[in-house]
């Protein structure tokens, strides 16, 4: 028998519940959020981009061949018990993951005297395919350049040091007003913190850093002694 493919949702594998997948539609891409406006007397439509991608529905045709009742009951508790967006991976894309919600339904079509069944499980996913390479921490040296060959990324940056200073990421500058050992700059949530302590008041910046497509030079001054960047690379 060939390789059985699975998905991993919220840290648990569908294979643990006897659920195996076909992933043909997991290669689809999201659509851009664009408004189309018809203007009287003007040929063609005016389009206004909202500079974002929409969520995408990702369906997995699945089958259960053994211990149907037991496996499906446990899978319902697992899938419907997860709240909000959770990490979603599958064996068709071992180098990527999505952030997804599962809201149901779970309706199996029975096979073979009710010992097995098939259905499609559909996840509501954020548009990004996050690259696992983007989870690797980059230890920066002052003046290093980071190449982004994909879409603009919103990094997680750890700034360590003994006092205030300036951090430059490409054209973006962040002033560190005070530094108690380290501060985390989260460009996705637009927050600065240390552990569970909010540190937004200890920085000043017109915007949080973005790793733009192409080369991004990283340098710093003042009391900053080290910078670590988790780039969060992504594609569609």
C-alpha atoms as a PDB file:
ATOM      1  CA  UNK A   1       0.000   0.000   0.000  1.00  0.00           C
ATOM      2  CA  UNK A   2       1.309   3.480  -0.851  1.00  0.00           C
ATOM      3  CA  UNK A   3       2.159   6.323   1.491  1.00  0.00           C
ATOM      4  CA  UNK A   4      -0.815   7.565   3.503  1.00  0.00           C
ATOM      5  CA  UNK A   5      -1.024  11.335   3.639  1.00  0.00           C
ATOM      6  CA  UNK A   6      -2.249  13.208   6.713  1.00  0.00           C
ATOM      7  CA  UNK A   7      -2.846  16.722   7.981  1.00  0.00           C
ATOM      8  CA  UNK A   8      -1.679  18.083  11.343  1.00  0.00           C
ATOM      9  CA  UNK A   9      -4.016  20.560  13.038  1.00  0.00           C
ATOM     10  CA  UNK A  10      -3.382  22.238  16.384  1.00  0.00           C
ATOM     11  CA  UNK A  11      -0.455  19.874  17.004  1.00  0.00           C
ATOM     12  CA  UNK A  12      -2.330  16.614  16.357  1.00  0.00           C
ATOM     13  CA  UNK A  13      -2.158  14.365  13.295  1.00  0.00           C
ATOM     14  CA  UNK A  14      -5.241  13.107  11.500  1.00  0.00           C
ATOM     15  CA  UNK A  15      -3.461   9.744  11.298  1.00  0.00           C
ATOM     16  CA  UNK A  16      -3.890   9.400  15.060  1.00  0.00           C
ATOM     17  CA  UNK A  17      -7.629   9.191  14.347  1.00  0.00           C
ATOM     18  CA  UNK A  18      -7.341   6.856  11.366  1.00  0.00           C
ATOM     19  CA  UNK A  19      -8.069   9.750   9.001  1.00  0.00           C
ATOM     20  CA  UNK A  20      -6.095   9.967   5.752  1.00  0.00           C
ATOM     21  CA  UNK A  21      -6.326  12.597   3.051  1.00  0.00           C
ATOM     22  CA  UNK A  22      -6.180  13.519  -0.588  1.00  0.00           C
ATOM     23  CA  UNK A  23      -4.618  16.943  -1.021  1.00  0.00           C
ATOM     24  CA  UNK A  24      -5.210  17.895  -4.646  1.00  0.00           C
ATOM     25  CA  UNK A  25      -6.947  21.182  -3.792  1.00  0.00           C
ATOM     26  CA  UNK A  26      -4.376  22.270  -1.221  1.00  0.00           C
ATOM     27  CA  UNK A  27      -2.238  23.779  -4.014  1.00  0.00           C
ATOM     28  CA  UNK A  28      -4.776  26.546  -4.714  1.00  0.00           C
ATOM     29  CA  UNK A  29      -3.938  30.218  -4.132  1.00  0.00           C
ATOM     30  CA  UNK A  30      -6.087  32.952  -2.526  1.00  0.00           C
ATOM     31  CA  UNK A  31      -7.584  35.879  -4.412  1.00  0.00           C
ATOM     32  CA  UNK A  32      -6.652  39.523  -4.028  1.00  0.00           C
ATOM     33  CA  UNK A  33      -9.158  41.830  -2.336  1.00  0.00           C
ATOM     34  CA  UNK A  34     -10.013  44.197  -5.194  1.00  0.00           C
ATOM     35  CA  UNK A  35     -13.094  46.387  -5.631  1.00  0.00           C
ATOM     36  CA  UNK A  36     -14.387  46.797  -9.182  1.00  0.00           C
ATOM     37  CA  UNK A  37     -16.321  50.006  -9.931  1.00  0.00           C
ATOM     38  CA  UNK A  38     -18.338  50.744 -13.072  1.00  0.00           C
ATOM     39  CA  UNK A  39     -18.267  54.419 -14.097  1.00  0.00           C
ATOM     40  CA  UNK A  40     -20.907  55.714 -16.536  1.00  0.00           C
ATOM     41  CA  UNK A  41     -19.348  56.951 -19.759  1.00  0.00           C
ATOM     42  CA  UNK A  42     -16.035  55.201 -19.135  1.00  0.00           C
ATOM     43  CA  UNK A  43     -15.002  52.003 -20.846  1.00  0.00           C
ATOM     44  CA  UNK A  44     -13.878  49.226 -18.573  1.00  0.00           C
ATOM     45  CA  UNK A  45     -14.003  49.106 -14.792  1.00  0.00           C
ATOM     46  CA  UNK A  46     -12.002  51.045 -12.231  1.00  0.00           C
ATOM     47  CA  UNK A  47     -10.290  48.706  -9.790  1.00  0.00           C
ATOM     48  CA  UNK A  48      -9.232  49.648  -6.278  1.00  0.00           C
ATOM     49  CA  UNK A  49      -6.875  47.276  -4.500  1.00  0.00           C
ATOM     50  CA  UNK A  50      -7.162  46.941  -0.745  1.00  0.00           C
ATOM     51  CA  UNK A  51      -3.567  45.687  -0.707  1.00  0.00           C
ATOM     52  CA  UNK A  52      -4.355  42.335   0.838  1.00  0.00           C
ATOM     53  CA  UNK A  53      -5.348  38.765   0.045  1.00  0.00           C
ATOM     54  CA  UNK A  54      -8.613  37.208   1.189  1.00  0.00           C
ATOM     55  CA  UNK A  55      -8.916  34.077   3.315  1.00  0.00           C
ATOM     56  CA  UNK A  56      -9.014  30.824   1.367  1.00  0.00           C
ATOM     57  CA  UNK A  57     -11.089  27.700   1.987  1.00  0.00           C
ATOM     58  CA  UNK A  58      -8.869  24.602   1.906  1.00  0.00           C
ATOM     59  CA  UNK A  59     -10.744  21.275   1.501  1.00  0.00           C
ATOM     60  CA  UNK A  60      -9.307  17.867   2.344  1.00  0.00           C
ATOM     61  CA  UNK A  61     -11.144  14.829   0.958  1.00  0.00           C
ATOM     62  CA  UNK A  62     -10.632  12.282   3.765  1.00  0.00           C
ATOM     63  CA  UNK A  63     -11.364   8.637   4.461  1.00  0.00           C
ATOM     64  CA  UNK A  64     -11.500   6.426   7.539  1.00  0.00           C
ATOM     65  CA  UNK A  65     -10.979   2.702   6.985  1.00  0.00           C
ATOM     66  CA  UNK A  66     -10.765   1.294  10.509  1.00  0.00           C
ATOM     67  CA  UNK A  67     -12.600   1.652  13.837  1.00  0.00           C
ATOM     68  CA  UNK A  68     -14.909   4.169  12.222  1.00  0.00           C
ATOM     69  CA  UNK A  69     -17.223   5.032  15.115  1.00  0.00           C
ATOM     70  CA  UNK A  70     -14.414   5.354  17.658  1.00  0.00           C
ATOM     71  CA  UNK A  71     -12.126   7.369  15.372  1.00  0.00           C
ATOM     72  CA  UNK A  72     -14.769   9.773  14.117  1.00  0.00           C
ATOM     73  CA  UNK A  73     -16.106  10.514  17.605  1.00  0.00           C
ATOM     74  CA  UNK A  74     -12.580  11.374  18.790  1.00  0.00           C
ATOM     75  CA  UNK A  75     -11.901  13.454  15.655  1.00  0.00           C
ATOM     76  CA  UNK A  76     -15.053  15.520  16.200  1.00  0.00           C
ATOM     77  CA  UNK A  77     -13.891  16.429  19.700  1.00  0.00           C
ATOM     78  CA  UNK A  78     -10.440  17.319  18.377  1.00  0.00           C
ATOM     79  CA  UNK A  79     -11.438  19.420  15.362  1.00  0.00           C
ATOM     80  CA  UNK A  80     -14.472  21.182  16.821  1.00  0.00           C
ATOM     81  CA  UNK A  81     -12.771  21.692  20.180  1.00  0.00           C
ATOM     82  CA  UNK A  82     -10.129  24.019  18.717  1.00  0.00           C
ATOM     83  CA  UNK A  83     -10.933  27.724  19.033  1.00  0.00           C
ATOM     84  CA  UNK A  84      -9.621  30.460  16.755  1.00  0.00           C
ATOM     85  CA  UNK A  85      -6.796  30.054  14.263  1.00  0.00           C
ATOM     86  CA  UNK A  86      -4.528  27.039  14.756  1.00  0.00           C
ATOM     87  CA  UNK A  87      -1.516  25.776  12.865  1.00  0.00           C
ATOM     88  CA  UNK A  88      -2.372  23.502   9.913  1.00  0.00           C
ATOM     89  CA  UNK A  89       0.205  21.353   8.105  1.00  0.00           C
ATOM     90  CA  UNK A  90      -0.008  18.429   5.715  1.00  0.00           C
ATOM     91  CA  UNK A  91       2.332  15.904   4.159  1.00  0.00           C
ATOM     92  CA  UNK A  92       1.826  17.377   0.682  1.00  0.00           C
ATOM     93  CA  UNK A  93       3.609  20.576   1.778  1.00  0.00           C
ATOM     94  CA  UNK A  94       6.210  19.500   4.370  1.00  0.00           C
ATOM     95  CA  UNK A  95       8.038  22.859   4.271  1.00  0.00           C
ATOM     96  CA  UNK A  96       4.970  25.046   4.854  1.00  0.00           C
ATOM     97  CA  UNK A  97       2.057  25.595   7.197  1.00  0.00           C
ATOM     98  CA  UNK A  98      -1.119  27.652   7.328  1.00  0.00           C
ATOM     99  CA  UNK A  99      -3.111  29.294  10.101  1.00  0.00           C
ATOM    100  CA  UNK A 100      -6.610  27.844   9.957  1.00  0.00           C
ATOM    101  CA  UNK A 101      -9.989  27.503  11.633  1.00  0.00           C
ATOM    102  CA  UNK A 102     -12.264  24.484  11.467  1.00  0.00           C
ATOM    103  CA  UNK A 103     -15.950  25.190  11.971  1.00  0.00           C
ATOM    104  CA  UNK A 104     -17.422  21.979  10.530  1.00  0.00           C
ATOM    105  CA  UNK A 105     -19.462  20.250   9.375  1.00  0.00           C
ATOM    106  CA  UNK A 106     -18.280  16.643   9.684  1.00  0.00           C
ATOM    107  CA  UNK A 107     -20.669  14.541   7.613  1.00  0.00           C
ATOM    108  CA  UNK A 108     -19.341  11.145   6.549  1.00  0.00           C
ATOM    109  CA  UNK A 109     -20.765   9.066   3.709  1.00  0.00           C
ATOM    110  CA  UNK A 110     -20.686   5.479   4.874  1.00  0.00           C
ATOM    111  CA  UNK A 111     -18.969   2.621   3.042  1.00  0.00           C
ATOM    112  CA  UNK A 112     -18.522  -1.144   3.508  1.00  0.00           C
ATOM    113  CA  UNK A 113     -21.284  -2.027   5.954  1.00  0.00           C
ATOM    114  CA  UNK A 114     -20.691   1.145   7.995  1.00  0.00           C
ATOM    115  CA  UNK A 115     -17.111   0.144   8.856  1.00  0.00           C
ATOM    116  CA  UNK A 116     -15.558   3.008   6.895  1.00  0.00           C
ATOM    117  CA  UNK A 117     -16.504   6.403   5.547  1.00  0.00           C
ATOM    118  CA  UNK A 118     -15.507   9.370   3.392  1.00  0.00           C
ATOM    119  CA  UNK A 119     -16.096  13.096   3.592  1.00  0.00           C
ATOM    120  CA  UNK A 120     -14.466  16.469   2.919  1.00  0.00           C
ATOM    121  CA  UNK A 121     -13.114  18.529   5.815  1.00  0.00           C
ATOM    122  CA  UNK A 122     -12.829  22.216   4.896  1.00  0.00           C
ATOM    123  CA  UNK A 123     -10.605  24.687   6.758  1.00  0.00           C
ATOM    124  CA  UNK A 124     -10.959  28.475   6.683  1.00  0.00           C
ATOM    125  CA  UNK A 125      -7.335  29.595   6.251  1.00  0.00           C
ATOM    126  CA  UNK A 126      -5.470  32.855   6.290  1.00  0.00           C
ATOM    127  CA  UNK A 127      -4.075  33.491   2.805  1.00  0.00           C
ATOM    128  CA  UNK A 128      -0.409  33.002   3.655  1.00  0.00           C
ATOM    129  CA  UNK A 129       1.537  29.785   3.280  1.00  0.00           C
ATOM    130  CA  UNK A 130       4.099  30.298   6.023  1.00  0.00           C
ATOM    131  CA  UNK A 131       7.547  28.874   5.244  1.00  0.00           C
ATOM    132  CA  UNK A 132       9.152  26.835   7.988  1.00  0.00           C
ATOM    133  CA  UNK A 133      12.496  28.394   7.057  1.00  0.00           C
ATOM    134  CA  UNK A 134      10.977  31.658   8.282  1.00  0.00           C
ATOM    135  CA  UNK A 135      10.846  30.224  11.813  1.00  0.00           C
ATOM    136  CA  UNK A 136      14.639  29.955  11.970  1.00  0.00           C
ATOM    137  CA  UNK A 137      16.256  32.697  14.055  1.00  0.00           C
ATOM    138  CA  UNK A 138      18.854  34.815  12.242  1.00  0.00           C
ATOM    139  CA  UNK A 139      21.686  35.968  14.508  1.00  0.00           C
ATOM    140  CA  UNK A 140      22.604  39.336  13.008  1.00  0.00           C
ATOM    141  CA  UNK A 141      25.931  41.101  12.944  1.00  0.00           C
ATOM    142  CA  UNK A 142      25.898  44.886  12.769  1.00  0.00           C
ATOM    143  CA  UNK A 143      25.659  45.845   9.095  1.00  0.00           C
ATOM    144  CA  UNK A 144      24.367  42.479   7.870  1.00  0.00           C
ATOM    145  CA  UNK A 145      21.980  42.315   4.929  1.00  0.00           C
ATOM    146  CA  UNK A 146      19.004  39.933   4.856  1.00  0.00           C
ATOM    147  CA  UNK A 147      17.652  38.912   1.454  1.00  0.00           C
ATOM    148  CA  UNK A 148      13.894  38.488   1.132  1.00  0.00           C
ATOM    149  CA  UNK A 149      13.103  36.723  -2.137  1.00  0.00           C
ATOM    150  CA  UNK A 150       9.344  36.591  -1.464  1.00  0.00           C
ATOM    151  CA  UNK A 151       6.565  38.785  -0.156  1.00  0.00           C
ATOM    152  CA  UNK A 152       7.187  41.585   2.401  1.00  0.00           C
ATOM    153  CA  UNK A 153       7.476  39.854   5.804  1.00  0.00           C
ATOM    154  CA  UNK A 154       6.554  41.038   9.296  1.00  0.00           C
ATOM    155  CA  UNK A 155       9.405  39.779  11.495  1.00  0.00           C
ATOM    156  CA  UNK A 156       9.804  39.068  15.191  1.00  0.00           C
ATOM    157  CA  UNK A 157      12.910  40.901  16.422  1.00  0.00           C
ATOM    158  CA  UNK A 158      14.741  40.457  19.717  1.00  0.00           C
ATOM    159  CA  UNK A 159      16.873  43.473  20.640  1.00  0.00           C
ATOM    160  CA  UNK A 160      19.339  42.953  23.489  1.00  0.00           C
ATOM    161  CA  UNK A 161      21.595  45.444  25.225  1.00  0.00           C
ATOM    162  CA  UNK A 162      22.452  47.619  28.175  1.00  0.00           C
ATOM    163  CA  UNK A 163      20.721  50.845  27.214  1.00  0.00           C
ATOM    164  CA  UNK A 164      18.792  52.785  24.596  1.00  0.00           C
ATOM    165  CA  UNK A 165      19.816  53.083  20.979  1.00  0.00           C
ATOM    166  CA  UNK A 166      18.664  52.947  17.376  1.00  0.00           C
ATOM    167  CA  UNK A 167      17.793  49.922  15.236  1.00  0.00           C
ATOM    168  CA  UNK A 168      17.633  50.234  11.467  1.00  0.00           C
ATOM    169  CA  UNK A 169      15.884  47.593   9.353  1.00  0.00           C
ATOM    170  CA  UNK A 170      16.106  48.724   5.751  1.00  0.00           C
ATOM    171  CA  UNK A 171      14.515  52.169   5.615  1.00  0.00           C
ATOM    172  CA  UNK A 172      12.736  51.716   8.958  1.00  0.00           C
ATOM    173  CA  UNK A 173      14.247  53.093  12.162  1.00  0.00           C
ATOM    174  CA  UNK A 174      13.168  52.155  15.688  1.00  0.00           C
ATOM    175  CA  UNK A 175      14.376  54.213  18.633  1.00  0.00           C
ATOM    176  CA  UNK A 176      14.856  52.164  21.784  1.00  0.00           C
ATOM    177  CA  UNK A 177      14.282  54.644  24.593  1.00  0.00           C
ATOM    178  CA  UNK A 178      15.240  52.256  27.385  1.00  0.00           C
ATOM    179  CA  UNK A 179      16.360  48.650  27.425  1.00  0.00           C
ATOM    180  CA  UNK A 180      16.111  46.235  30.339  1.00  0.00           C
ATOM    181  CA  UNK A 181      18.141  43.255  29.109  1.00  0.00           C
ATOM    182  CA  UNK A 182      16.025  42.809  25.944  1.00  0.00           C
ATOM    183  CA  UNK A 183      12.819  43.772  24.164  1.00  0.00           C
ATOM    184  CA  UNK A 184      10.809  41.868  21.546  1.00  0.00           C
ATOM    185  CA  UNK A 185       9.440  43.814  18.560  1.00  0.00           C
ATOM    186  CA  UNK A 186       6.535  41.981  16.938  1.00  0.00           C
ATOM    187  CA  UNK A 187       5.795  43.578  13.575  1.00  0.00           C
ATOM    188  CA  UNK A 188       2.694  41.454  13.021  1.00  0.00           C
ATOM    189  CA  UNK A 189       0.885  42.491  16.213  1.00  0.00           C
ATOM    190  CA  UNK A 190       2.563  45.939  16.317  1.00  0.00           C
ATOM    191  CA  UNK A 191       3.690  45.403  19.904  1.00  0.00           C
ATOM    192  CA  UNK A 192       6.854  45.555  21.970  1.00  0.00           C
ATOM    193  CA  UNK A 193       7.182  43.340  25.046  1.00  0.00           C
ATOM    194  CA  UNK A 194       9.477  41.461  27.383  1.00  0.00           C
ATOM    195  CA  UNK A 195       7.939  38.175  28.470  1.00  0.00           C
ATOM    196  CA  UNK A 196       4.411  39.123  29.527  1.00  0.00           C
ATOM    197  CA  UNK A 197       5.318  42.801  30.151  1.00  0.00           C
ATOM    198  CA  UNK A 198       4.178  45.398  27.611  1.00  0.00           C
ATOM    199  CA  UNK A 199       7.102  47.565  26.462  1.00  0.00           C
ATOM    200  CA  UNK A 200       5.416  49.778  23.888  1.00  0.00           C
ATOM    201  CA  UNK A 201       6.296  52.819  25.970  1.00  0.00           C
ATOM    202  CA  UNK A 202      10.018  52.054  25.723  1.00  0.00           C
ATOM    203  CA  UNK A 203      10.235  52.447  21.929  1.00  0.00           C
ATOM    204  CA  UNK A 204       9.494  55.161  19.392  1.00  0.00           C
ATOM    205  CA  UNK A 205       8.947  54.375  15.719  1.00  0.00           C
ATOM    206  CA  UNK A 206       6.777  55.706  12.874  1.00  0.00           C
ATOM    207  CA  UNK A 207       6.133  52.055  11.962  1.00  0.00           C
ATOM    208  CA  UNK A 208       7.309  48.575  12.895  1.00  0.00           C
ATOM    209  CA  UNK A 209      10.028  46.993  10.739  1.00  0.00           C
ATOM    210  CA  UNK A 210       9.144  45.127   7.538  1.00  0.00           C
ATOM    211  CA  UNK A 211      11.534  42.877   5.640  1.00  0.00           C
ATOM    212  CA  UNK A 212      10.845  44.192   2.157  1.00  0.00           C
ATOM    213  CA  UNK A 213      11.380  42.185  -1.012  1.00  0.00           C
ATOM    214  CA  UNK A 214      15.091  42.351  -1.847  1.00  0.00           C
ATOM    215  CA  UNK A 215      18.014  43.281   0.394  1.00  0.00           C
ATOM    216  CA  UNK A 216      17.378  44.632   3.918  1.00  0.00           C
ATOM    217  CA  UNK A 217      20.365  46.082   5.751  1.00  0.00           C
ATOM    218  CA  UNK A 218      20.349  45.657   9.540  1.00  0.00           C
ATOM    219  CA  UNK A 219      22.433  47.900  11.746  1.00  0.00           C
ATOM    220  CA  UNK A 220      22.232  49.536  15.144  1.00  0.00           C
ATOM    221  CA  UNK A 221      23.913  51.891  17.574  1.00  0.00           C
ATOM    222  CA  UNK A 222      23.890  53.082  21.172  1.00  0.00           C
ATOM    223  CA  UNK A 223      23.495  50.543  23.961  1.00  0.00           C
ATOM    224  CA  UNK A 224      22.215  47.750  21.680  1.00  0.00           C
ATOM    225  CA  UNK A 225      24.558  44.752  21.717  1.00  0.00           C
ATOM    226  CA  UNK A 226      22.717  42.031  19.767  1.00  0.00           C
ATOM    227  CA  UNK A 227      19.811  41.600  17.349  1.00  0.00           C
ATOM    228  CA  UNK A 228      18.023  38.339  16.487  1.00  0.00           C
ATOM    229  CA  UNK A 229      15.402  38.206  13.743  1.00  0.00           C
ATOM    230  CA  UNK A 230      12.786  35.554  13.092  1.00  0.00           C
ATOM    231  CA  UNK A 231      11.817  36.600   9.545  1.00  0.00           C
ATOM    232  CA  UNK A 232       8.442  34.872   9.119  1.00  0.00           C
ATOM    233  CA  UNK A 233       8.831  34.281   5.386  1.00  0.00           C
ATOM    234  CA  UNK A 234       5.652  33.465   3.493  1.00  0.00           C
ATOM    235  CA  UNK A 235       4.257  32.835   0.051  1.00  0.00           C
ATOM    236  CA  UNK A 236       0.859  32.120  -1.486  1.00  0.00           C
END
